[in-house]
N, C-alpha and C. Protein backbone atom coordinates (compact mmCIF):
# COMPACT_ATOMS: atom_id res chain seq x y z
N UNK A 1 -106.66 -2.00 98.71
CA UNK A 1 -105.45 -1.51 99.33
C UNK A 1 -105.03 -0.16 98.75
N UNK A 2 -105.34 0.13 97.50
CA UNK A 2 -104.93 1.38 96.88
C UNK A 2 -105.51 2.60 97.56
N UNK A 3 -106.62 2.47 98.26
CA UNK A 3 -107.27 3.62 98.88
C UNK A 3 -106.73 3.90 100.27
N UNK A 4 -106.00 2.97 100.85
CA UNK A 4 -105.48 3.16 102.20
C UNK A 4 -104.12 3.83 102.18
N UNK A 5 -103.89 4.67 103.19
CA UNK A 5 -102.60 5.35 103.31
C UNK A 5 -101.51 4.35 103.71
N UNK A 6 -100.31 4.63 103.26
CA UNK A 6 -99.16 3.81 103.63
C UNK A 6 -98.36 4.59 104.66
N UNK A 7 -98.09 3.94 105.78
CA UNK A 7 -97.33 4.55 106.87
C UNK A 7 -96.00 3.81 106.99
N UNK A 8 -94.90 4.55 107.08
CA UNK A 8 -93.58 3.97 107.33
C UNK A 8 -93.19 4.37 108.74
N UNK A 9 -92.80 3.36 109.54
CA UNK A 9 -92.41 3.63 110.93
C UNK A 9 -91.37 2.62 111.39
N UNK A 10 -90.77 2.91 112.54
CA UNK A 10 -89.85 1.97 113.16
C UNK A 10 -90.63 0.75 113.60
N UNK A 11 -90.02 -0.42 113.47
CA UNK A 11 -90.68 -1.65 113.89
C UNK A 11 -90.76 -1.70 115.42
N UNK A 12 -91.73 -2.45 115.89
CA UNK A 12 -91.87 -2.71 117.32
C UNK A 12 -91.75 -4.21 117.54
N UNK A 13 -91.62 -4.60 118.78
CA UNK A 13 -91.46 -6.02 119.09
C UNK A 13 -92.61 -6.86 118.55
N UNK A 14 -93.80 -6.31 118.56
CA UNK A 14 -94.95 -7.09 118.07
C UNK A 14 -94.93 -7.30 116.55
N UNK A 15 -94.04 -6.60 115.84
CA UNK A 15 -93.90 -6.75 114.39
C UNK A 15 -92.97 -7.90 114.00
N UNK A 16 -92.26 -8.46 114.97
CA UNK A 16 -91.21 -9.45 114.68
C UNK A 16 -91.71 -10.61 113.81
N UNK A 17 -92.82 -11.21 114.17
CA UNK A 17 -93.32 -12.37 113.43
C UNK A 17 -93.69 -12.01 111.99
N UNK A 18 -94.33 -10.87 111.79
CA UNK A 18 -94.72 -10.44 110.44
C UNK A 18 -93.48 -10.13 109.60
N UNK A 19 -92.45 -9.54 110.21
CA UNK A 19 -91.21 -9.25 109.49
C UNK A 19 -90.57 -10.56 109.02
N UNK A 20 -90.46 -11.52 109.93
CA UNK A 20 -89.86 -12.81 109.58
C UNK A 20 -90.63 -13.49 108.44
N UNK A 21 -91.95 -13.48 108.52
CA UNK A 21 -92.77 -14.12 107.50
C UNK A 21 -92.57 -13.45 106.14
N UNK A 22 -92.54 -12.13 106.13
CA UNK A 22 -92.38 -11.38 104.88
C UNK A 22 -91.00 -11.65 104.27
N UNK A 23 -89.95 -11.60 105.07
CA UNK A 23 -88.59 -11.84 104.58
C UNK A 23 -88.45 -13.27 104.06
N UNK A 24 -88.97 -14.22 104.79
CA UNK A 24 -88.86 -15.63 104.36
C UNK A 24 -89.70 -15.91 103.13
N UNK A 25 -90.78 -15.18 102.93
CA UNK A 25 -91.64 -15.40 101.76
C UNK A 25 -90.88 -15.14 100.46
N UNK A 26 -89.83 -14.33 100.52
CA UNK A 26 -89.03 -14.01 99.34
C UNK A 26 -87.67 -14.70 99.35
N UNK A 27 -87.50 -15.63 100.27
CA UNK A 27 -86.24 -16.40 100.38
C UNK A 27 -85.02 -15.50 100.56
N UNK A 28 -85.18 -14.44 101.34
CA UNK A 28 -84.06 -13.56 101.65
C UNK A 28 -83.31 -14.14 102.85
N UNK A 29 -82.15 -13.56 103.16
CA UNK A 29 -81.34 -14.01 104.28
C UNK A 29 -82.18 -14.02 105.55
N UNK A 30 -82.42 -15.21 106.14
CA UNK A 30 -83.27 -15.30 107.33
C UNK A 30 -82.53 -15.03 108.63
N UNK A 31 -81.23 -14.73 108.56
CA UNK A 31 -80.44 -14.49 109.76
C UNK A 31 -80.45 -13.01 110.15
N UNK A 32 -80.38 -12.77 111.43
CA UNK A 32 -80.29 -11.39 111.91
C UNK A 32 -81.54 -10.57 111.69
N UNK A 33 -82.69 -11.17 111.80
CA UNK A 33 -83.95 -10.44 111.62
C UNK A 33 -84.42 -9.92 112.97
N UNK A 34 -83.73 -8.92 113.47
CA UNK A 34 -84.03 -8.34 114.78
C UNK A 34 -84.86 -7.08 114.63
N UNK A 35 -86.05 -7.09 115.15
CA UNK A 35 -87.00 -6.00 114.93
C UNK A 35 -86.44 -4.60 115.23
N UNK A 36 -85.54 -4.39 116.22
CA UNK A 36 -85.07 -3.01 116.45
C UNK A 36 -84.30 -2.42 115.26
N UNK A 37 -83.83 -3.26 114.34
CA UNK A 37 -83.08 -2.77 113.17
C UNK A 37 -83.98 -2.42 112.00
N UNK A 38 -85.28 -2.66 112.11
CA UNK A 38 -86.20 -2.56 110.97
C UNK A 38 -87.06 -1.31 110.96
N UNK A 39 -87.37 -0.90 109.73
CA UNK A 39 -88.48 -0.01 109.45
C UNK A 39 -89.52 -0.87 108.75
N UNK A 40 -90.79 -0.56 108.96
CA UNK A 40 -91.85 -1.30 108.29
C UNK A 40 -92.79 -0.32 107.59
N UNK A 41 -93.43 -0.80 106.54
CA UNK A 41 -94.47 -0.05 105.84
C UNK A 41 -95.77 -0.78 106.12
N UNK A 42 -96.78 -0.01 106.49
CA UNK A 42 -98.09 -0.60 106.81
C UNK A 42 -99.18 0.09 106.02
N UNK A 43 -100.22 -0.67 105.78
CA UNK A 43 -101.45 -0.12 105.24
C UNK A 43 -102.58 -0.90 105.89
N UNK A 44 -103.55 -0.19 106.38
CA UNK A 44 -104.68 -0.84 107.03
C UNK A 44 -104.27 -1.70 108.22
N UNK A 45 -103.17 -1.36 108.88
CA UNK A 45 -102.71 -2.12 110.03
C UNK A 45 -101.88 -3.35 109.70
N UNK A 46 -101.70 -3.66 108.42
CA UNK A 46 -100.92 -4.82 108.00
C UNK A 46 -99.56 -4.39 107.47
N UNK A 47 -98.52 -5.14 107.84
CA UNK A 47 -97.18 -4.86 107.34
C UNK A 47 -97.08 -5.36 105.90
N UNK A 48 -96.73 -4.45 105.01
CA UNK A 48 -96.61 -4.79 103.58
C UNK A 48 -95.19 -4.61 103.06
N UNK A 49 -94.30 -4.11 103.93
CA UNK A 49 -92.91 -3.91 103.51
C UNK A 49 -92.01 -3.78 104.72
N UNK A 50 -90.72 -4.08 104.51
CA UNK A 50 -89.75 -3.98 105.59
C UNK A 50 -88.36 -3.78 105.01
N UNK A 51 -87.50 -3.16 105.80
CA UNK A 51 -86.08 -3.01 105.48
C UNK A 51 -85.33 -2.86 106.79
N UNK A 52 -84.09 -3.32 106.81
CA UNK A 52 -83.32 -3.16 108.03
C UNK A 52 -81.93 -2.61 107.75
N UNK A 53 -81.33 -2.08 108.82
CA UNK A 53 -79.93 -1.70 108.80
C UNK A 53 -79.23 -2.69 109.73
N UNK A 54 -78.60 -3.71 109.13
CA UNK A 54 -77.85 -4.70 109.92
C UNK A 54 -76.60 -4.04 110.47
N UNK A 55 -76.34 -4.25 111.73
CA UNK A 55 -75.14 -3.71 112.37
C UNK A 55 -74.24 -4.88 112.70
N UNK A 56 -73.15 -5.02 111.94
CA UNK A 56 -72.25 -6.16 112.09
C UNK A 56 -71.23 -5.92 113.19
N UNK A 57 -70.69 -7.02 113.72
CA UNK A 57 -69.70 -6.94 114.80
C UNK A 57 -68.39 -6.29 114.36
N UNK A 58 -68.12 -6.22 113.06
CA UNK A 58 -66.90 -5.56 112.60
C UNK A 58 -67.12 -4.05 112.40
N UNK A 59 -68.30 -3.56 112.80
CA UNK A 59 -68.61 -2.13 112.70
C UNK A 59 -69.28 -1.74 111.39
N UNK A 60 -69.32 -2.63 110.43
CA UNK A 60 -69.97 -2.30 109.16
C UNK A 60 -71.49 -2.37 109.31
N UNK A 61 -72.15 -1.67 108.40
CA UNK A 61 -73.61 -1.64 108.40
C UNK A 61 -74.09 -2.00 107.00
N UNK A 62 -75.13 -2.82 106.97
CA UNK A 62 -75.62 -3.35 105.69
C UNK A 62 -77.12 -3.13 105.58
N UNK A 63 -77.52 -2.44 104.52
CA UNK A 63 -78.94 -2.32 104.23
C UNK A 63 -79.39 -3.68 103.73
N UNK A 64 -80.36 -4.28 104.40
CA UNK A 64 -80.76 -5.63 104.02
C UNK A 64 -82.22 -5.91 104.27
N UNK A 65 -82.62 -7.08 103.87
CA UNK A 65 -83.98 -7.58 104.10
C UNK A 65 -85.04 -6.65 103.50
N UNK A 66 -84.72 -5.98 102.41
CA UNK A 66 -85.69 -5.11 101.75
C UNK A 66 -86.71 -5.98 101.04
N UNK A 67 -87.95 -5.87 101.45
CA UNK A 67 -89.00 -6.70 100.86
C UNK A 67 -90.33 -5.95 100.92
N UNK A 68 -91.10 -6.11 99.85
CA UNK A 68 -92.46 -5.56 99.78
C UNK A 68 -93.37 -6.71 99.34
N UNK A 69 -94.49 -6.85 100.01
CA UNK A 69 -95.45 -7.91 99.66
C UNK A 69 -95.82 -7.80 98.18
N UNK A 70 -95.96 -8.94 97.54
CA UNK A 70 -96.22 -8.97 96.09
C UNK A 70 -97.41 -8.10 95.69
N UNK A 71 -98.47 -8.15 96.46
CA UNK A 71 -99.68 -7.39 96.11
C UNK A 71 -99.51 -5.87 96.27
N UNK A 72 -98.42 -5.44 96.91
CA UNK A 72 -98.21 -4.01 97.16
C UNK A 72 -97.08 -3.42 96.32
N UNK A 73 -96.49 -4.20 95.44
CA UNK A 73 -95.35 -3.73 94.65
C UNK A 73 -95.79 -2.74 93.57
N UNK A 74 -94.80 -1.95 93.13
CA UNK A 74 -95.05 -0.98 92.07
C UNK A 74 -95.69 0.31 92.56
N UNK A 75 -95.67 0.52 93.87
CA UNK A 75 -96.29 1.73 94.44
C UNK A 75 -95.28 2.61 95.15
N UNK A 76 -93.98 2.35 94.96
CA UNK A 76 -92.95 3.19 95.56
C UNK A 76 -92.67 2.89 97.03
N UNK A 77 -93.16 1.78 97.53
CA UNK A 77 -92.99 1.46 98.95
C UNK A 77 -91.53 1.18 99.28
N UNK A 78 -90.84 0.42 98.45
CA UNK A 78 -89.42 0.14 98.70
C UNK A 78 -88.63 1.44 98.72
N UNK A 79 -88.91 2.35 97.80
CA UNK A 79 -88.21 3.64 97.78
C UNK A 79 -88.48 4.44 99.04
N UNK A 80 -89.71 4.44 99.50
CA UNK A 80 -90.04 5.16 100.75
C UNK A 80 -89.31 4.57 101.93
N UNK A 81 -89.22 3.24 101.97
CA UNK A 81 -88.49 2.60 103.08
C UNK A 81 -87.01 2.98 103.06
N UNK A 82 -86.40 2.94 101.87
CA UNK A 82 -84.98 3.29 101.76
C UNK A 82 -84.78 4.77 102.06
N UNK A 83 -85.62 5.64 101.50
CA UNK A 83 -85.52 7.07 101.76
C UNK A 83 -85.54 7.35 103.26
N UNK A 84 -86.47 6.72 103.96
CA UNK A 84 -86.61 6.93 105.40
C UNK A 84 -85.41 6.38 106.16
N UNK A 85 -84.96 5.20 105.79
CA UNK A 85 -83.83 4.57 106.46
C UNK A 85 -82.55 5.39 106.31
N UNK A 86 -82.34 5.96 105.13
CA UNK A 86 -81.09 6.68 104.85
C UNK A 86 -81.20 8.19 105.03
N UNK A 87 -82.37 8.70 105.40
CA UNK A 87 -82.59 10.15 105.45
C UNK A 87 -81.54 10.91 106.25
N UNK A 88 -81.21 10.46 107.40
CA UNK A 88 -80.25 11.16 108.25
C UNK A 88 -78.93 10.40 108.38
N UNK A 89 -78.72 9.40 107.56
CA UNK A 89 -77.56 8.54 107.68
C UNK A 89 -76.31 9.22 107.14
N UNK A 90 -75.25 9.20 107.92
CA UNK A 90 -73.99 9.83 107.51
C UNK A 90 -72.81 8.86 107.54
N UNK A 91 -73.08 7.58 107.69
CA UNK A 91 -72.03 6.56 107.78
C UNK A 91 -72.02 5.72 106.50
N UNK A 92 -70.90 5.07 106.20
CA UNK A 92 -70.88 4.16 105.05
C UNK A 92 -71.88 3.01 105.24
N UNK A 93 -72.50 2.60 104.15
CA UNK A 93 -73.48 1.51 104.17
C UNK A 93 -73.19 0.61 102.97
N UNK A 94 -73.34 -0.69 103.18
CA UNK A 94 -73.17 -1.66 102.10
C UNK A 94 -74.50 -2.34 101.83
N UNK A 95 -74.61 -2.95 100.66
CA UNK A 95 -75.84 -3.58 100.22
C UNK A 95 -75.47 -4.71 99.27
N UNK A 96 -76.15 -5.84 99.40
CA UNK A 96 -75.95 -6.97 98.50
C UNK A 96 -77.23 -7.11 97.68
N UNK A 97 -77.07 -7.19 96.36
CA UNK A 97 -78.23 -7.30 95.49
C UNK A 97 -77.88 -8.10 94.25
N UNK A 98 -78.90 -8.52 93.54
CA UNK A 98 -78.69 -9.19 92.26
C UNK A 98 -78.18 -8.16 91.25
N UNK A 99 -77.27 -8.58 90.41
CA UNK A 99 -76.62 -7.68 89.46
C UNK A 99 -77.59 -6.81 88.64
N UNK A 100 -78.72 -7.34 88.16
CA UNK A 100 -79.63 -6.49 87.38
C UNK A 100 -80.22 -5.31 88.17
N UNK A 101 -80.13 -5.35 89.50
CA UNK A 101 -80.73 -4.30 90.34
C UNK A 101 -79.77 -3.15 90.66
N UNK A 102 -78.53 -3.23 90.23
CA UNK A 102 -77.52 -2.25 90.62
C UNK A 102 -77.96 -0.82 90.34
N UNK A 103 -78.45 -0.55 89.15
CA UNK A 103 -78.83 0.81 88.77
C UNK A 103 -79.93 1.40 89.63
N UNK A 104 -80.79 0.57 90.16
CA UNK A 104 -81.91 1.07 90.97
C UNK A 104 -81.44 1.75 92.26
N UNK A 105 -80.24 1.43 92.71
CA UNK A 105 -79.75 1.98 93.97
C UNK A 105 -78.84 3.20 93.79
N UNK A 106 -78.55 3.59 92.56
CA UNK A 106 -77.65 4.72 92.34
C UNK A 106 -78.23 6.03 92.84
N UNK A 107 -79.54 6.17 92.87
CA UNK A 107 -80.15 7.43 93.33
C UNK A 107 -79.85 7.72 94.79
N UNK A 108 -79.46 6.69 95.55
CA UNK A 108 -79.08 6.88 96.95
C UNK A 108 -77.57 6.93 97.12
N UNK A 109 -76.83 6.93 96.02
CA UNK A 109 -75.39 7.02 96.08
C UNK A 109 -74.66 5.70 96.17
N UNK A 110 -75.36 4.59 95.97
CA UNK A 110 -74.71 3.27 96.01
C UNK A 110 -73.96 3.03 94.71
N UNK A 111 -72.75 2.48 94.84
CA UNK A 111 -71.94 2.13 93.69
C UNK A 111 -71.41 0.71 93.88
N UNK A 112 -71.35 -0.03 92.80
CA UNK A 112 -70.84 -1.40 92.87
C UNK A 112 -69.34 -1.37 93.15
N UNK A 113 -68.90 -2.27 94.05
CA UNK A 113 -67.48 -2.38 94.38
C UNK A 113 -67.03 -3.82 94.20
N UNK A 114 -65.74 -4.01 94.15
CA UNK A 114 -65.17 -5.36 94.13
C UNK A 114 -65.51 -6.03 95.45
N UNK A 115 -65.80 -7.31 95.43
CA UNK A 115 -66.14 -8.05 96.64
C UNK A 115 -65.06 -7.89 97.70
N UNK A 116 -63.81 -7.99 97.32
CA UNK A 116 -62.72 -7.92 98.29
C UNK A 116 -62.61 -6.55 98.97
N UNK A 117 -63.24 -5.53 98.41
CA UNK A 117 -63.18 -4.19 99.00
C UNK A 117 -64.21 -3.99 100.11
N UNK A 118 -65.12 -4.93 100.28
CA UNK A 118 -66.17 -4.82 101.30
C UNK A 118 -65.66 -5.32 102.65
N UNK A 119 -66.27 -4.88 103.74
CA UNK A 119 -65.91 -5.39 105.07
C UNK A 119 -66.17 -6.90 105.17
N UNK A 120 -65.46 -7.55 106.08
CA UNK A 120 -65.51 -9.01 106.21
C UNK A 120 -66.93 -9.55 106.40
N UNK A 121 -67.73 -8.93 107.25
CA UNK A 121 -69.07 -9.46 107.52
C UNK A 121 -69.99 -9.31 106.31
N UNK A 122 -69.81 -8.27 105.54
CA UNK A 122 -70.59 -8.09 104.31
C UNK A 122 -70.15 -9.12 103.28
N UNK A 123 -68.84 -9.35 103.18
CA UNK A 123 -68.34 -10.39 102.27
C UNK A 123 -68.89 -11.75 102.65
N UNK A 124 -68.98 -12.04 103.95
CA UNK A 124 -69.53 -13.32 104.41
C UNK A 124 -70.98 -13.46 103.98
N UNK A 125 -71.78 -12.41 104.15
CA UNK A 125 -73.19 -12.47 103.72
C UNK A 125 -73.29 -12.64 102.21
N UNK A 126 -72.40 -12.01 101.48
CA UNK A 126 -72.37 -12.15 100.02
C UNK A 126 -72.09 -13.59 99.65
N UNK A 127 -71.12 -14.19 100.30
CA UNK A 127 -70.78 -15.59 100.04
C UNK A 127 -71.96 -16.51 100.37
N UNK A 128 -72.58 -16.29 101.51
CA UNK A 128 -73.73 -17.12 101.91
C UNK A 128 -74.87 -16.97 100.89
N UNK A 129 -75.14 -15.75 100.48
CA UNK A 129 -76.19 -15.52 99.48
C UNK A 129 -75.87 -16.17 98.16
N UNK A 130 -74.59 -16.14 97.77
CA UNK A 130 -74.18 -16.78 96.52
C UNK A 130 -74.36 -18.29 96.59
N UNK A 131 -74.06 -18.89 97.74
CA UNK A 131 -74.25 -20.33 97.91
C UNK A 131 -75.72 -20.70 97.82
N UNK A 132 -76.58 -19.88 98.42
CA UNK A 132 -78.03 -20.12 98.34
C UNK A 132 -78.49 -20.02 96.89
N UNK A 133 -77.95 -19.09 96.15
CA UNK A 133 -78.32 -18.93 94.73
C UNK A 133 -77.94 -20.18 93.94
N UNK A 134 -76.79 -20.77 94.25
CA UNK A 134 -76.37 -21.99 93.56
C UNK A 134 -77.34 -23.12 93.85
N UNK A 135 -77.75 -23.24 95.10
CA UNK A 135 -78.73 -24.27 95.47
C UNK A 135 -80.03 -24.03 94.70
N UNK A 136 -80.44 -22.77 94.57
CA UNK A 136 -81.65 -22.44 93.81
C UNK A 136 -81.53 -22.88 92.36
N UNK A 137 -80.34 -22.68 91.79
CA UNK A 137 -80.10 -23.09 90.41
C UNK A 137 -80.28 -24.60 90.26
N UNK A 138 -79.71 -25.34 91.20
CA UNK A 138 -79.84 -26.80 91.18
C UNK A 138 -81.32 -27.20 91.25
N UNK A 139 -82.11 -26.40 91.98
CA UNK A 139 -83.54 -26.69 92.11
C UNK A 139 -84.34 -26.09 90.96
N UNK A 140 -83.62 -25.65 89.91
CA UNK A 140 -84.23 -25.10 88.70
C UNK A 140 -84.97 -23.78 88.91
N UNK A 141 -84.45 -22.98 89.82
CA UNK A 141 -84.99 -21.63 90.02
C UNK A 141 -84.03 -20.65 89.36
N UNK A 142 -84.51 -19.50 88.96
CA UNK A 142 -83.61 -18.52 88.33
C UNK A 142 -82.47 -18.13 89.27
N UNK A 143 -81.28 -17.96 88.71
CA UNK A 143 -80.12 -17.60 89.51
C UNK A 143 -79.48 -16.36 88.92
N UNK A 144 -79.37 -15.31 89.73
CA UNK A 144 -78.72 -14.08 89.31
C UNK A 144 -77.49 -13.85 90.17
N UNK A 145 -76.44 -13.36 89.56
CA UNK A 145 -75.20 -13.08 90.27
C UNK A 145 -75.42 -11.96 91.29
N UNK A 146 -74.93 -12.19 92.51
CA UNK A 146 -75.02 -11.17 93.55
C UNK A 146 -73.78 -10.29 93.53
N UNK A 147 -73.99 -9.00 93.79
CA UNK A 147 -72.90 -8.04 93.84
C UNK A 147 -73.03 -7.21 95.11
N UNK A 148 -71.94 -6.53 95.46
CA UNK A 148 -71.94 -5.68 96.65
C UNK A 148 -71.88 -4.22 96.20
N UNK A 149 -72.74 -3.42 96.82
CA UNK A 149 -72.76 -1.98 96.57
C UNK A 149 -72.33 -1.27 97.84
N UNK A 150 -71.73 -0.09 97.67
CA UNK A 150 -71.32 0.71 98.82
C UNK A 150 -71.85 2.13 98.65
N UNK A 151 -72.24 2.71 99.77
CA UNK A 151 -72.66 4.12 99.81
C UNK A 151 -71.76 4.81 100.81
N UNK A 152 -70.97 5.74 100.31
CA UNK A 152 -70.07 6.50 101.17
C UNK A 152 -70.87 7.54 101.94
N UNK A 153 -70.31 8.09 103.00
CA UNK A 153 -71.03 9.12 103.77
C UNK A 153 -71.45 10.29 102.88
N UNK A 154 -72.55 10.93 103.26
CA UNK A 154 -73.05 12.07 102.50
C UNK A 154 -71.93 13.08 102.30
N UNK A 155 -71.87 13.65 101.12
CA UNK A 155 -70.83 14.61 100.81
C UNK A 155 -69.62 13.97 100.15
N UNK A 156 -69.46 12.65 100.29
CA UNK A 156 -68.33 11.96 99.68
C UNK A 156 -68.72 11.29 98.37
N UNK A 157 -70.00 11.31 98.01
CA UNK A 157 -70.41 10.67 96.78
C UNK A 157 -71.20 11.63 95.92
N UNK A 158 -71.15 11.37 94.66
CA UNK A 158 -71.97 12.09 93.69
C UNK A 158 -72.53 11.05 92.75
N UNK A 159 -73.58 11.38 92.10
CA UNK A 159 -74.15 10.44 91.12
C UNK A 159 -73.19 10.27 89.97
N UNK A 160 -73.03 9.03 89.59
CA UNK A 160 -72.14 8.73 88.47
C UNK A 160 -72.95 8.60 87.19
N UNK A 161 -72.31 8.92 86.13
CA UNK A 161 -72.87 8.57 84.83
C UNK A 161 -72.10 7.36 84.35
N UNK A 162 -72.62 6.66 83.41
CA UNK A 162 -71.92 5.46 82.95
C UNK A 162 -70.54 5.79 82.39
N UNK A 163 -70.35 7.00 81.90
CA UNK A 163 -69.06 7.39 81.35
C UNK A 163 -68.01 7.63 82.43
N UNK A 164 -68.43 7.99 83.64
CA UNK A 164 -67.47 8.34 84.68
C UNK A 164 -67.20 7.22 85.66
N UNK A 165 -67.82 6.06 85.52
CA UNK A 165 -67.68 5.02 86.53
C UNK A 165 -66.49 4.11 86.30
N UNK A 166 -65.85 4.17 85.16
CA UNK A 166 -64.73 3.27 84.88
C UNK A 166 -63.45 3.79 85.53
N UNK A 167 -62.78 2.92 86.26
CA UNK A 167 -61.48 3.26 86.82
C UNK A 167 -61.51 4.09 88.08
N UNK A 168 -62.65 4.42 88.61
CA UNK A 168 -62.73 5.23 89.82
C UNK A 168 -62.29 4.39 91.01
N UNK A 169 -61.48 4.96 91.87
CA UNK A 169 -61.01 4.24 93.04
C UNK A 169 -61.40 4.98 94.29
N UNK A 170 -61.40 4.26 95.41
CA UNK A 170 -61.59 4.89 96.71
C UNK A 170 -60.71 4.19 97.71
N UNK A 171 -60.76 4.61 98.94
CA UNK A 171 -59.82 4.14 99.96
C UNK A 171 -59.85 2.62 100.18
N UNK A 172 -60.96 1.97 100.04
CA UNK A 172 -61.05 0.54 100.34
C UNK A 172 -60.67 -0.35 99.16
N UNK A 173 -60.80 0.14 97.96
CA UNK A 173 -60.51 -0.71 96.80
C UNK A 173 -61.14 -0.14 95.54
N UNK A 174 -61.04 -0.87 94.49
CA UNK A 174 -61.55 -0.37 93.22
C UNK A 174 -63.04 -0.56 93.09
N UNK A 175 -63.65 0.44 92.51
CA UNK A 175 -65.06 0.33 92.14
C UNK A 175 -65.09 -0.39 90.80
N UNK A 176 -66.22 -0.95 90.50
CA UNK A 176 -66.35 -1.63 89.22
C UNK A 176 -67.40 -0.94 88.39
N UNK A 177 -67.31 -1.12 87.11
CA UNK A 177 -68.28 -0.50 86.20
C UNK A 177 -69.65 -1.10 86.47
N UNK A 178 -70.64 -0.25 86.53
CA UNK A 178 -72.01 -0.70 86.79
C UNK A 178 -72.63 -1.30 85.57
């Protein structure tokens, strides 16, 4: 696989089954896996990565279902998918991730926020993900706390340093220290 080129493109209807299989293989949120919302990464004609921009009924948008096949990890595929998805994006975007992953998203302008500061549909997904994590714990699987990140429109955010992230506020609510 290392010798084959990786192509990132918009998903097509025929990619739907592969997207679902990849997302479910990592026990990610299986709801709302609609191929028109996805970008996929391929090598040798096989889908090895996917990410979507969920469009919620409350108008919020959530970067979700980011997954790369285990055998293809460590090659920058997730970064390429996010770069492509956000390249021309000028609207606020939210993201739910495990707390240890927060720093990985700062390069795209994502900052951790209080749960109550997120839109209702994002908060609902956060709650659902947290419940699934509790079930995983009961089944003796590792459990990491989920947090919500927000990315303001381009021009409204700057990269934070750990010294400047305390006490910063924005229109929706307080940001939290990363």
